Amino acid sequence: MAALIYKICPRPLWQEAEAAGVFNGAPIDLADGYIHFSTAEQARETAARHFAGQDDLVLVAVDAGALGEALRFEVSRGGALFPHLYAPLALGAVCWVRPLPLGADGAHLFPGLA
């Protein structure tokens, strides 16, 4: 089974990527020079910190092994290693895309994470 990493993305931005055949990143990714991802263990905190209260999001699962040397795990929040992609995301590496709705308590409802 592939090792998965996750991208939280506004649905309209992801739809643009699907139409273009590649995901170049969200505005924060473009500003930082790499595409931010989270591991399964990090995804909920990422949603709470950076996407609080936002709806119309998708959770994109990506095969980390398909990204090659452009994927680096680097120290970030709290000293944890976060996956950063220093290249556009080829959609062939995407395993699935699922809605990331808000629950009644305002927290995002995550589909099963590997």
PDB file of N, CA and C in Angstrom:
ATOM      1  N   MET A   1       0.841  -1.198   0.000  1.00  0.00           N
ATOM      2  CA  MET A   1       0.000   0.000   0.000  1.00  0.00           C
ATOM      3  C   MET A   1       0.878   1.250   0.000  1.00  0.00           C
ATOM      4  N   ALA A   2       0.478   2.227  -0.746  1.00  0.00           N
ATOM      5  CA  ALA A   2       1.243   3.463  -0.874  1.00  0.00           C
ATOM      6  C   ALA A   2       1.220   4.253   0.434  1.00  0.00           C
ATOM      7  N   ALA A   3       2.333   4.911   0.720  1.00  0.00           N
ATOM      8  CA  ALA A   3       2.367   5.850   1.838  1.00  0.00           C
ATOM      9  C   ALA A   3       1.704   7.131   1.357  1.00  0.00           C
ATOM     10  N   LEU A   4       0.655   7.538   2.048  1.00  0.00           N
ATOM     11  CA  LEU A   4      -0.103   8.703   1.605  1.00  0.00           C
ATOM     12  C   LEU A   4       0.249   9.942   2.404  1.00  0.00           C
ATOM     13  N   ILE A   5       0.262  11.074   1.706  1.00  0.00           N
ATOM     14  CA  ILE A   5       0.311  12.392   2.325  1.00  0.00           C
ATOM     15  C   ILE A   5      -0.915  13.141   1.825  1.00  0.00           C
ATOM     16  N   TYR A   6      -1.255  14.239   2.495  1.00  0.00           N
ATOM     17  CA  TYR A   6      -2.541  14.884   2.254  1.00  0.00           C
ATOM     18  C   TYR A   6      -2.394  16.376   2.027  1.00  0.00           C
ATOM     19  N   LYS A   7      -3.225  16.865   1.095  1.00  0.00           N
ATOM     20  CA  LYS A   7      -3.335  18.296   0.811  1.00  0.00           C
ATOM     21  C   LYS A   7      -4.771  18.711   1.063  1.00  0.00           C
ATOM     22  N   ILE A   8      -4.959  19.740   1.873  1.00  0.00           N
ATOM     23  CA  ILE A   8      -6.280  20.337   2.070  1.00  0.00           C
ATOM     24  C   ILE A   8      -6.362  21.507   1.105  1.00  0.00           C
ATOM     25  N   CYS A   9      -7.435  21.539   0.334  1.00  0.00           N
ATOM     26  CA  CYS A   9      -7.499  22.509  -0.753  1.00  0.00           C
ATOM     27  C   CYS A   9      -8.935  22.998  -0.946  1.00  0.00           C
ATOM     28  N   PRO A  10      -9.133  24.283  -1.192  1.00  0.00           N
ATOM     29  CA  PRO A  10     -10.474  24.752  -1.566  1.00  0.00           C
ATOM     30  C   PRO A  10     -10.928  24.034  -2.846  1.00  0.00           C
ATOM     31  N   ARG A  11     -12.161  23.571  -2.867  1.00  0.00           N
ATOM     32  CA  ARG A  11     -12.671  22.816  -4.003  1.00  0.00           C
ATOM     33  C   ARG A  11     -12.478  23.560  -5.336  1.00  0.00           C
ATOM     34  N   PRO A  12     -12.791  24.868  -5.429  1.00  0.00           N
ATOM     35  CA  PRO A  12     -12.614  25.546  -6.729  1.00  0.00           C
ATOM     36  C   PRO A  12     -11.160  25.521  -7.219  1.00  0.00           C
ATOM     37  N   LEU A  13     -10.211  25.662  -6.306  1.00  0.00           N
ATOM     38  CA  LEU A  13      -8.806  25.630  -6.690  1.00  0.00           C
ATOM     39  C   LEU A  13      -8.427  24.232  -7.192  1.00  0.00           C
ATOM     40  N   TRP A  14      -8.947  23.194  -6.529  1.00  0.00           N
ATOM     41  CA  TRP A  14      -8.659  21.835  -6.979  1.00  0.00           C
ATOM     42  C   TRP A  14      -9.306  21.569  -8.339  1.00  0.00           C
ATOM     43  N   GLN A  15     -10.496  22.085  -8.549  1.00  0.00           N
ATOM     44  CA  GLN A  15     -11.154  21.902  -9.848  1.00  0.00           C
ATOM     45  C   GLN A  15     -10.338  22.552 -10.963  1.00  0.00           C
ATOM     46  N   GLU A  16      -9.720  23.686 -10.675  1.00  0.00           N
ATOM     47  CA  GLU A  16      -8.830  24.323 -11.656  1.00  0.00           C
ATOM     48  C   GLU A  16      -7.653  23.407 -11.968  1.00  0.00           C
ATOM     49  N   ALA A  17      -7.096  22.775 -10.941  1.00  0.00           N
ATOM     50  CA  ALA A  17      -5.968  21.859 -11.134  1.00  0.00           C
ATOM     51  C   ALA A  17      -6.390  20.670 -11.990  1.00  0.00           C
ATOM     52  N   GLU A  18      -7.563  20.124 -11.723  1.00  0.00           N
ATOM     53  CA  GLU A  18      -8.042  18.997 -12.523  1.00  0.00           C
ATOM     54  C   GLU A  18      -8.218  19.401 -13.985  1.00  0.00           C
ATOM     55  N   ALA A  19      -8.712  20.593 -14.215  1.00  0.00           N
ATOM     56  CA  ALA A  19      -8.894  21.067 -15.584  1.00  0.00           C
ATOM     57  C   ALA A  19      -7.542  21.270 -16.277  1.00  0.00           C
ATOM     58  N   ALA A  20      -6.541  21.724 -15.510  1.00  0.00           N
ATOM     59  CA  ALA A  20      -5.219  21.991 -16.076  1.00  0.00           C
ATOM     60  C   ALA A  20      -4.359  20.729 -16.172  1.00  0.00           C
ATOM     61  N   GLY A  21      -4.714  19.703 -15.393  1.00  0.00           N
ATOM     62  CA  GLY A  21      -3.928  18.478 -15.382  1.00  0.00           C
ATOM     63  C   GLY A  21      -2.745  18.495 -14.442  1.00  0.00           C
ATOM     64  N   VAL A  22      -2.614  19.569 -13.666  1.00  0.00           N
ATOM     65  CA  VAL A  22      -1.506  19.700 -12.713  1.00  0.00           C
ATOM     66  C   VAL A  22      -1.922  20.673 -11.619  1.00  0.00           C
ATOM     67  N   PHE A  23      -1.400  20.452 -10.409  1.00  0.00           N
ATOM     68  CA  PHE A  23      -1.651  21.377  -9.295  1.00  0.00           C
ATOM     69  C   PHE A  23      -0.352  22.103  -8.984  1.00  0.00           C
ATOM     70  N   ASN A  24      -0.377  23.415  -9.193  1.00  0.00           N
ATOM     71  CA  ASN A  24       0.819  24.222  -8.949  1.00  0.00           C
ATOM     72  C   ASN A  24       0.890  24.758  -7.531  1.00  0.00           C
ATOM     73  N   GLY A  25      -0.203  24.633  -6.791  1.00  0.00           N
ATOM     74  CA  GLY A  25      -0.197  25.059  -5.400  1.00  0.00           C
ATOM     75  C   GLY A  25      -1.209  26.150  -5.137  1.00  0.00           C
ATOM     76  N   ALA A  26      -1.536  26.262  -3.855  1.00  0.00           N
ATOM     77  CA  ALA A  26      -2.386  27.341  -3.372  1.00  0.00           C
ATOM     78  C   ALA A  26      -1.524  28.600  -3.224  1.00  0.00           C
ATOM     79  N   PRO A  27      -2.138  29.760  -2.994  1.00  0.00           N
ATOM     80  CA  PRO A  27      -1.336  30.982  -2.846  1.00  0.00           C
ATOM     81  C   PRO A  27      -0.200  30.862  -1.816  1.00  0.00           C
ATOM     82  N   ILE A  28      -0.459  30.219  -0.670  1.00  0.00           N
ATOM     83  CA  ILE A  28       0.604  30.069   0.346  1.00  0.00           C
ATOM     84  C   ILE A  28       1.741  29.199  -0.181  1.00  0.00           C
ATOM     85  N   ASP A  29       1.399  28.175  -0.971  1.00  0.00           N
ATOM     86  CA  ASP A  29       2.434  27.319  -1.547  1.00  0.00           C
ATOM     87  C   ASP A  29       3.305  28.105  -2.521  1.00  0.00           C
ATOM     88  N   LEU A  30       2.650  28.883  -3.372  1.00  0.00           N
ATOM     89  CA  LEU A  30       3.385  29.678  -4.360  1.00  0.00           C
ATOM     90  C   LEU A  30       4.294  30.687  -3.671  1.00  0.00           C
ATOM     91  N   ALA A  31       3.809  31.272  -2.575  1.00  0.00           N
ATOM     92  CA  ALA A  31       4.613  32.251  -1.837  1.00  0.00           C
ATOM     93  C   ALA A  31       5.815  31.589  -1.167  1.00  0.00           C
ATOM     94  N   ASP A  32       5.626  30.362  -0.658  1.00  0.00           N
ATOM     95  CA  ASP A  32       6.700  29.678   0.070  1.00  0.00           C
ATOM     96  C   ASP A  32       7.657  28.918  -0.839  1.00  0.00           C
ATOM     97  N   GLY A  33       7.263  28.678  -2.089  1.00  0.00           N
ATOM     98  CA  GLY A  33       8.146  27.991  -3.024  1.00  0.00           C
ATOM     99  C   GLY A  33       8.031  26.478  -3.004  1.00  0.00           C
ATOM    100  N   TYR A  34       7.042  25.945  -2.318  1.00  0.00           N
ATOM    101  CA  TYR A  34       6.798  24.503  -2.297  1.00  0.00           C
ATOM    102  C   TYR A  34       5.347  24.266  -1.917  1.00  0.00           C
ATOM    103  N   ILE A  35       4.848  23.063  -2.226  1.00  0.00           N
ATOM    104  CA  ILE A  35       3.475  22.712  -1.883  1.00  0.00           C
ATOM    105  C   ILE A  35       3.471  22.047  -0.514  1.00  0.00           C
ATOM    106  N   HIS A  36       2.692  22.613   0.389  1.00  0.00           N
ATOM    107  CA  HIS A  36       2.561  22.083   1.749  1.00  0.00           C
ATOM    108  C   HIS A  36       1.660  20.851   1.761  1.00  0.00           C
ATOM    109  N   PHE A  37       2.097  19.802   2.421  1.00  0.00           N
ATOM    110  CA  PHE A  37       1.290  18.610   2.656  1.00  0.00           C
ATOM    111  C   PHE A  37       1.327  18.302   4.146  1.00  0.00           C
ATOM    112  N   SER A  38       0.481  17.376   4.550  1.00  0.00           N
ATOM    113  CA  SER A  38       0.468  16.868   5.915  1.00  0.00           C
ATOM    114  C   SER A  38       0.433  15.350   5.870  1.00  0.00           C
ATOM    115  N   THR A  39       0.953  14.746   6.930  1.00  0.00           N
ATOM    116  CA  THR A  39       0.766  13.311   7.097  1.00  0.00           C
ATOM    117  C   THR A  39      -0.627  13.095   7.683  1.00  0.00           C
ATOM    118  N   ALA A  40      -1.056  11.848   7.757  1.00  0.00           N
ATOM    119  CA  ALA A  40      -2.361  11.544   8.354  1.00  0.00           C
ATOM    120  C   ALA A  40      -2.436  12.071   9.780  1.00  0.00           C
ATOM    121  N   GLU A  41      -1.340  11.968  10.513  1.00  0.00           N
ATOM    122  CA  GLU A  41      -1.317  12.429  11.903  1.00  0.00           C
ATOM    123  C   GLU A  41      -1.382  13.950  12.015  1.00  0.00           C
ATOM    124  N   GLN A  42      -0.955  14.655  11.001  1.00  0.00           N
ATOM    125  CA  GLN A  42      -0.890  16.119  11.033  1.00  0.00           C
ATOM    126  C   GLN A  42      -2.101  16.799  10.412  1.00  0.00           C
ATOM    127  N   ALA A  43      -2.883  16.083   9.620  1.00  0.00           N
ATOM    128  CA  ALA A  43      -3.923  16.711   8.802  1.00  0.00           C
ATOM    129  C   ALA A  43      -4.994  17.428   9.622  1.00  0.00           C
ATOM    130  N   ARG A  44      -5.444  16.835  10.707  1.00  0.00           N
ATOM    131  CA  ARG A  44      -6.495  17.474  11.512  1.00  0.00           C
ATOM    132  C   ARG A  44      -6.020  18.791  12.121  1.00  0.00           C
ATOM    133  N   GLU A  45      -4.800  18.806  12.622  1.00  0.00           N
ATOM    134  CA  GLU A  45      -4.272  20.050  13.194  1.00  0.00           C
ATOM    135  C   GLU A  45      -4.066  21.104  12.106  1.00  0.00           C
ATOM    136  N   THR A  46      -3.617  20.678  10.936  1.00  0.00           N
ATOM    137  CA  THR A  46      -3.461  21.614   9.825  1.00  0.00           C
ATOM    138  C   THR A  46      -4.807  22.245   9.481  1.00  0.00           C
ATOM    139  N   ALA A  47      -5.846  21.424   9.420  1.00  0.00           N
ATOM    140  CA  ALA A  47      -7.188  21.951   9.116  1.00  0.00           C
ATOM    141  C   ALA A  47      -7.625  22.947  10.177  1.00  0.00           C
ATOM    142  N   ALA A  48      -7.416  22.607  11.440  1.00  0.00           N
ATOM    143  CA  ALA A  48      -7.844  23.479  12.534  1.00  0.00           C
ATOM    144  C   ALA A  48      -7.076  24.799  12.537  1.00  0.00           C
ATOM    145  N   ARG A  49      -5.793  24.754  12.227  1.00  0.00           N
ATOM    146  CA  ARG A  49      -4.958  25.966  12.267  1.00  0.00           C
ATOM    147  C   ARG A  49      -5.128  26.867  11.051  1.00  0.00           C
ATOM    148  N   HIS A  50      -5.210  26.245   9.881  1.00  0.00           N
ATOM    149  CA  HIS A  50      -5.132  27.030   8.640  1.00  0.00           C
ATOM    150  C   HIS A  50      -6.433  27.103   7.845  1.00  0.00           C
ATOM    151  N   PHE A  51      -7.422  26.280   8.225  1.00  0.00           N
ATOM    152  CA  PHE A  51      -8.672  26.245   7.470  1.00  0.00           C
ATOM    153  C   PHE A  51      -9.891  26.304   8.392  1.00  0.00           C
ATOM    154  N   ALA A  52      -9.703  26.818   9.595  1.00  0.00           N
ATOM    155  CA  ALA A  52     -10.794  26.854  10.577  1.00  0.00           C
ATOM    156  C   ALA A  52     -12.016  27.569  10.006  1.00  0.00           C
ATOM    157  N   GLY A  53     -13.160  26.914  10.118  1.00  0.00           N
ATOM    158  CA  GLY A  53     -14.417  27.512   9.689  1.00  0.00           C
ATOM    159  C   GLY A  53     -14.646  27.523   8.193  1.00  0.00           C
ATOM    160  N   GLN A  54     -13.685  27.068   7.405  1.00  0.00           N
ATOM    161  CA  GLN A  54     -13.831  27.092   5.945  1.00  0.00           C
ATOM    162  C   GLN A  54     -14.543  25.830   5.471  1.00  0.00           C
ATOM    163  N   ASP A  55     -15.526  26.029   4.618  1.00  0.00           N
ATOM    164  CA  ASP A  55     -16.170  24.872   4.009  1.00  0.00           C
ATOM    165  C   ASP A  55     -15.805  24.833   2.532  1.00  0.00           C
ATOM    166  N   ASP A  56     -16.397  23.923   1.800  1.00  0.00           N
ATOM    167  CA  ASP A  56     -16.117  23.711   0.385  1.00  0.00           C
ATOM    168  C   ASP A  56     -14.635  23.389   0.157  1.00  0.00           C
ATOM    169  N   LEU A  57     -14.107  22.526   1.040  1.00  0.00           N
ATOM    170  CA  LEU A  57     -12.732  22.056   0.914  1.00  0.00           C
ATOM    171  C   LEU A  57     -12.735  20.604   0.454  1.00  0.00           C
ATOM    172  N   VAL A  58     -11.610  20.184  -0.107  1.00  0.00           N
ATOM    173  CA  VAL A  58     -11.397  18.773  -0.404  1.00  0.00           C
ATOM    174  C   VAL A  58     -10.107  18.325   0.274  1.00  0.00           C
ATOM    175  N   LEU A  59     -10.064  17.031   0.564  1.00  0.00           N
ATOM    176  CA  LEU A  59      -8.860  16.387   1.064  1.00  0.00           C
ATOM    177  C   LEU A  59      -8.316  15.537  -0.068  1.00  0.00           C
ATOM    178  N   VAL A  60      -7.084  15.816  -0.455  1.00  0.00           N
ATOM    179  CA  VAL A  60      -6.442  15.143  -1.575  1.00  0.00           C
ATOM    180  C   VAL A  60      -5.380  14.200  -1.015  1.00  0.00           C
ATOM    181  N   ALA A  61      -5.519  12.910  -1.297  1.00  0.00           N
ATOM    182  CA  ALA A  61      -4.541  11.908  -0.862  1.00  0.00           C
ATOM    183  C   ALA A  61      -3.569  11.652  -2.000  1.00  0.00           C
ATOM    184  N   VAL A  62      -2.277  11.726  -1.688  1.00  0.00           N
ATOM    185  CA  VAL A  62      -1.238  11.621  -2.703  1.00  0.00           C
ATOM    186  C   VAL A  62      -0.258  10.515  -2.315  1.00  0.00           C
ATOM    187  N   ASP A  63       0.150   9.726  -3.301  1.00  0.00           N
ATOM    188  CA  ASP A  63       1.149   8.682  -3.106  1.00  0.00           C
ATOM    189  C   ASP A  63       2.514   9.346  -2.968  1.00  0.00           C
ATOM    190  N   ALA A  64       3.031   9.384  -1.741  1.00  0.00           N
ATOM    191  CA  ALA A  64       4.309  10.055  -1.492  1.00  0.00           C
ATOM    192  C   ALA A  64       5.436   9.447  -2.322  1.00  0.00           C
ATOM    193  N   GLY A  65       5.402   8.141  -2.517  1.00  0.00           N
ATOM    194  CA  GLY A  65       6.456   7.473  -3.271  1.00  0.00           C
ATOM    195  C   GLY A  65       6.513   7.863  -4.738  1.00  0.00           C
ATOM    196  N   ALA A  66       5.408   8.372  -5.262  1.00  0.00           N
ATOM    197  CA  ALA A  66       5.367   8.763  -6.677  1.00  0.00           C
ATOM    198  C   ALA A  66       5.987  10.134  -6.921  1.00  0.00           C
ATOM    199  N   LEU A  67       6.349  10.839  -5.861  1.00  0.00           N
ATOM    200  CA  LEU A  67       6.811  12.225  -6.006  1.00  0.00           C
ATOM    201  C   LEU A  67       8.324  12.357  -6.141  1.00  0.00           C
ATOM    202  N   GLY A  68       9.044  11.289  -5.862  1.00  0.00           N
ATOM    203  CA  GLY A  68      10.494  11.294  -6.057  1.00  0.00           C
ATOM    204  C   GLY A  68      11.233  12.265  -5.154  1.00  0.00           C
ATOM    205  N   GLU A  69      12.370  12.730  -5.662  1.00  0.00           N
ATOM    206  CA  GLU A  69      13.270  13.568  -4.861  1.00  0.00           C
ATOM    207  C   GLU A  69      12.739  14.969  -4.629  1.00  0.00           C
ATOM    208  N   ALA A  70      11.692  15.372  -5.340  1.00  0.00           N
ATOM    209  CA  ALA A  70      11.113  16.707  -5.126  1.00  0.00           C
ATOM    210  C   ALA A  70      10.352  16.783  -3.802  1.00  0.00           C
ATOM    211  N   LEU A  71      10.050  15.622  -3.198  1.00  0.00           N
ATOM    212  CA  LEU A  71       9.366  15.596  -1.904  1.00  0.00           C
ATOM    213  C   LEU A  71      10.410  15.519  -0.798  1.00  0.00           C
ATOM    214  N   ARG A  72      10.314  16.471   0.126  1.00  0.00           N
ATOM    215  CA  ARG A  72      11.241  16.503   1.262  1.00  0.00           C
ATOM    216  C   ARG A  72      10.438  16.639   2.545  1.00  0.00           C
ATOM    217  N   PHE A  73      10.860  15.908   3.562  1.00  0.00           N
ATOM    218  CA  PHE A  73      10.263  16.049   4.894  1.00  0.00           C
ATOM    219  C   PHE A  73      11.150  17.011   5.671  1.00  0.00           C
ATOM    220  N   GLU A  74      10.556  18.158   6.045  1.00  0.00           N
ATOM    221  CA  GLU A  74      11.333  19.226   6.673  1.00  0.00           C
ATOM    222  C   GLU A  74      10.698  19.646   7.988  1.00  0.00           C
ATOM    223  N   VAL A  75      11.541  20.099   8.888  1.00  0.00           N
ATOM    224  CA  VAL A  75      11.088  20.546  10.206  1.00  0.00           C
ATOM    225  C   VAL A  75      10.188  21.758  10.047  1.00  0.00           C
ATOM    226  N   SER A  76       9.039  21.709  10.699  1.00  0.00           N
ATOM    227  CA  SER A  76       8.080  22.808  10.663  1.00  0.00           C
ATOM    228  C   SER A  76       7.454  22.931  12.040  1.00  0.00           C
ATOM    229  N   ARG A  77       6.149  23.107  12.079  1.00  0.00           N
ATOM    230  CA  ARG A  77       5.392  23.345  13.300  1.00  0.00           C
ATOM    231  C   ARG A  77       5.799  22.401  14.432  1.00  0.00           C
ATOM    232  N   GLY A  78       6.239  22.977  15.537  1.00  0.00           N
ATOM    233  CA  GLY A  78       6.565  22.189  16.719  1.00  0.00           C
ATOM    234  C   GLY A  78       7.715  21.220  16.534  1.00  0.00           C
ATOM    235  N   GLY A  79       8.541  21.435  15.520  1.00  0.00           N
ATOM    236  CA  GLY A  79       9.674  20.562  15.283  1.00  0.00           C
ATOM    237  C   GLY A  79       9.327  19.295  14.518  1.00  0.00           C
ATOM    238  N   ALA A  80       8.064  19.130  14.137  1.00  0.00           N
ATOM    239  CA  ALA A  80       7.649  17.942  13.398  1.00  0.00           C
ATOM    240  C   ALA A  80       8.119  18.026  11.946  1.00  0.00           C
ATOM    241  N   LEU A  81       8.311  16.867  11.336  1.00  0.00           N
ATOM    242  CA  LEU A  81       8.682  16.807   9.926  1.00  0.00           C
ATOM    243  C   LEU A  81       7.422  16.816   9.073  1.00  0.00           C
ATOM    244  N   PHE A  82       7.340  17.801   8.198  1.00  0.00           N
ATOM    245  CA  PHE A  82       6.193  17.943   7.301  1.00  0.00           C
ATOM    246  C   PHE A  82       6.648  17.695   5.870  1.00  0.00           C
ATOM    247  N   PRO A  83       5.790  17.059   5.059  1.00  0.00           N
ATOM    248  CA  PRO A  83       6.131  16.846   3.651  1.00  0.00           C
ATOM    249  C   PRO A  83       5.931  18.121   2.836  1.00  0.00           C
ATOM    250  N   HIS A  84       6.966  18.473   2.085  1.00  0.00           N
ATOM    251  CA  HIS A  84       6.942  19.646   1.211  1.00  0.00           C
ATOM    252  C   HIS A  84       7.354  19.190  -0.183  1.00  0.00           C
ATOM    253  N   LEU A  85       6.576  19.567  -1.187  1.00  0.00           N
ATOM    254  CA  LEU A  85       6.868  19.191  -2.568  1.00  0.00           C
ATOM    255  C   LEU A  85       7.424  20.393  -3.317  1.00  0.00           C
ATOM    256  N   TYR A  86       8.660  20.266  -3.796  1.00  0.00           N
ATOM    257  CA  TYR A  86       9.336  21.334  -4.532  1.00  0.00           C
ATOM    258  C   TYR A  86       9.172  21.135  -6.035  1.00  0.00           C
ATOM    259  N   ALA A  87       7.938  20.942  -6.458  1.00  0.00           N
ATOM    260  CA  ALA A  87       7.601  20.760  -7.873  1.00  0.00           C
ATOM    261  C   ALA A  87       6.085  20.843  -7.978  1.00  0.00           C
ATOM    262  N   PRO A  88       5.559  21.061  -9.165  1.00  0.00           N
ATOM    263  CA  PRO A  88       4.108  20.944  -9.329  1.00  0.00           C
ATOM    264  C   PRO A  88       3.671  19.512  -9.024  1.00  0.00           C
ATOM    265  N   LEU A  89       2.450  19.355  -8.571  1.00  0.00           N
ATOM    266  CA  LEU A  89       1.898  18.037  -8.278  1.00  0.00           C
ATOM    267  C   LEU A  89       1.258  17.465  -9.537  1.00  0.00           C
ATOM    268  N   ALA A  90       1.851  16.406 -10.067  1.00  0.00           N
ATOM    269  CA  ALA A  90       1.259  15.700 -11.203  1.00  0.00           C
ATOM    270  C   ALA A  90       0.043  14.934 -10.695  1.00  0.00           C
ATOM    271  N   LEU A  91      -1.084  15.075 -11.367  1.00  0.00           N
ATOM    272  CA  LEU A  91      -2.310  14.463 -10.872  1.00  0.00           C
ATOM    273  C   LEU A  91      -2.278  12.938 -10.919  1.00  0.00           C
ATOM    274  N   GLY A  92      -1.332  12.372 -11.629  1.00  0.00           N
ATOM    275  CA  GLY A  92      -1.166  10.928 -11.634  1.00  0.00           C
ATOM    276  C   GLY A  92      -0.755  10.364 -10.285  1.00  0.00           C
ATOM    277  N   ALA A  93      -0.204  11.204  -9.412  1.00  0.00           N
ATOM    278  CA  ALA A  93       0.198  10.769  -8.068  1.00  0.00           C
ATOM    279  C   ALA A  93      -0.963  10.807  -7.076  1.00  0.00           C
ATOM    280  N   VAL A  94      -2.099  11.371  -7.486  1.00  0.00           N
ATOM    281  CA  VAL A  94      -3.256  11.499  -6.601  1.00  0.00           C
ATOM    282  C   VAL A  94      -3.993  10.168  -6.520  1.00  0.00           C
ATOM    283  N   CYS A  95      -4.222   9.687  -5.314  1.00  0.00           N
ATOM    284  CA  CYS A  95      -4.928   8.416  -5.103  1.00  0.00           C
ATOM    285  C   CYS A  95      -6.432   8.626  -4.997  1.00  0.00           C
ATOM    286  N   TRP A  96      -6.836   9.685  -4.319  1.00  0.00           N
ATOM    287  CA  TRP A  96      -8.252  10.022  -4.217  1.00  0.00           C
ATOM    288  C   TRP A  96      -8.424  11.455  -3.749  1.00  0.00           C
ATOM    289  N   VAL A  97      -9.641  11.964  -4.005  1.00  0.00           N
ATOM    290  CA  VAL A  97     -10.045  13.309  -3.563  1.00  0.00           C
ATOM    291  C   VAL A  97     -11.422  13.156  -2.937  1.00  0.00           C
ATOM    292  N   ARG A  98     -11.566  13.640  -1.701  1.00  0.00           N
ATOM    293  CA  ARG A  98     -12.841  13.514  -0.993  1.00  0.00           C
ATOM    294  C   ARG A  98     -13.224  14.847  -0.368  1.00  0.00           C
ATOM    295  N   PRO A  99     -14.536  15.090  -0.230  1.00  0.00           N
ATOM    296  CA  PRO A  99     -14.986  16.314   0.440  1.00  0.00           C
ATOM    297  C   PRO A  99     -14.481  16.362   1.880  1.00  0.00           C
ATOM    298  N   LEU A 100     -14.234  17.569   2.369  1.00  0.00           N
ATOM    299  CA  LEU A 100     -13.811  17.791   3.756  1.00  0.00           C
ATOM    300  C   LEU A 100     -14.796  18.770   4.393  1.00  0.00           C
ATOM    301  N   PRO A 101     -15.989  18.272   4.735  1.00  0.00           N
ATOM    302  CA  PRO A 101     -17.037  19.164   5.250  1.00  0.00           C
ATOM    303  C   PRO A 101     -16.799  19.566   6.700  1.00  0.00           C
ATOM    304  N   LEU A 102     -17.520  20.602   7.105  1.00  0.00           N
ATOM    305  CA  LEU A 102     -17.526  21.019   8.508  1.00  0.00           C
ATOM    306  C   LEU A 102     -18.603  20.248   9.253  1.00  0.00           C
ATOM    307  N   GLY A 103     -18.270  19.812  10.455  1.00  0.00           N
ATOM    308  CA  GLY A 103     -19.252  19.168  11.315  1.00  0.00           C
ATOM    309  C   GLY A 103     -20.034  20.204  12.094  1.00  0.00           C
ATOM    310  N   ALA A 104     -21.012  19.739  12.842  1.00  0.00           N
ATOM    311  CA  ALA A 104     -21.859  20.630  13.637  1.00  0.00           C
ATOM    312  C   ALA A 104     -21.056  21.424  14.658  1.00  0.00           C
ATOM    313  N   ASP A 105     -19.927  20.864  15.100  1.00  0.00           N
ATOM    314  CA  ASP A 105     -19.088  21.552  16.095  1.00  0.00           C
ATOM    315  C   ASP A 105     -18.099  22.519  15.454  1.00  0.00           C
ATOM    316  N   GLY A 106     -18.127  22.636  14.121  1.00  0.00           N
ATOM    317  CA  GLY A 106     -17.229  23.551  13.422  1.00  0.00           C
ATOM    318  C   GLY A 106     -15.904  22.933  13.023  1.00  0.00           C
ATOM    319  N   ALA A 107     -15.635  21.695  13.459  1.00  0.00           N
ATOM    320  CA  ALA A 107     -14.407  21.004  13.074  1.00  0.00           C
ATOM    321  C   ALA A 107     -14.657  20.234  11.771  1.00  0.00           C
ATOM    322  N   HIS A 108     -13.617  20.039  11.005  1.00  0.00           N
ATOM    323  CA  HIS A 108     -13.753  19.305   9.749  1.00  0.00           C
ATOM    324  C   HIS A 108     -13.945  17.819  10.011  1.00  0.00           C
ATOM    325  N   LEU A 109     -14.775  17.201   9.189  1.00  0.00           N
ATOM    326  CA  LEU A 109     -15.044  15.770   9.271  1.00  0.00           C
ATOM    327  C   LEU A 109     -14.167  15.051   8.259  1.00  0.00           C
ATOM    328  N   PHE A 110     -13.163  14.361   8.756  1.00  0.00           N
ATOM    329  CA  PHE A 110     -12.187  13.709   7.880  1.00  0.00           C
ATOM    330  C   PHE A 110     -12.661  12.339   7.447  1.00  0.00           C
ATOM    331  N   PRO A 111     -12.505  12.062   6.143  1.00  0.00           N
ATOM    332  CA  PRO A 111     -12.719  10.685   5.683  1.00  0.00           C
ATOM    333  C   PRO A 111     -11.591   9.822   6.239  1.00  0.00           C
ATOM    334  N   GLY A 112     -11.671   8.529   6.106  1.00  0.00           N
ATOM    335  CA  GLY A 112     -10.632   7.647   6.625  1.00  0.00           C
ATOM    336  C   GLY A 112      -9.261   8.021   6.111  1.00  0.00           C
ATOM    337  N   LEU A 113      -8.311   8.114   7.014  1.00  0.00           N
ATOM    338  CA  LEU A 113      -6.937   8.441   6.642  1.00  0.00           C
ATOM    339  C   LEU A 113      -6.080   7.193   6.807  1.00  0.00           C
ATOM    340  N   ALA A 114      -5.171   6.978   5.865  1.00  0.00           N
ATOM    341  CA  ALA A 114      -4.261   5.827   5.938  1.00  0.00           C
ATOM    342  C   ALA A 114      -3.143   6.120   6.927  1.00  0.00           C
TER     343      ALA A 114
END
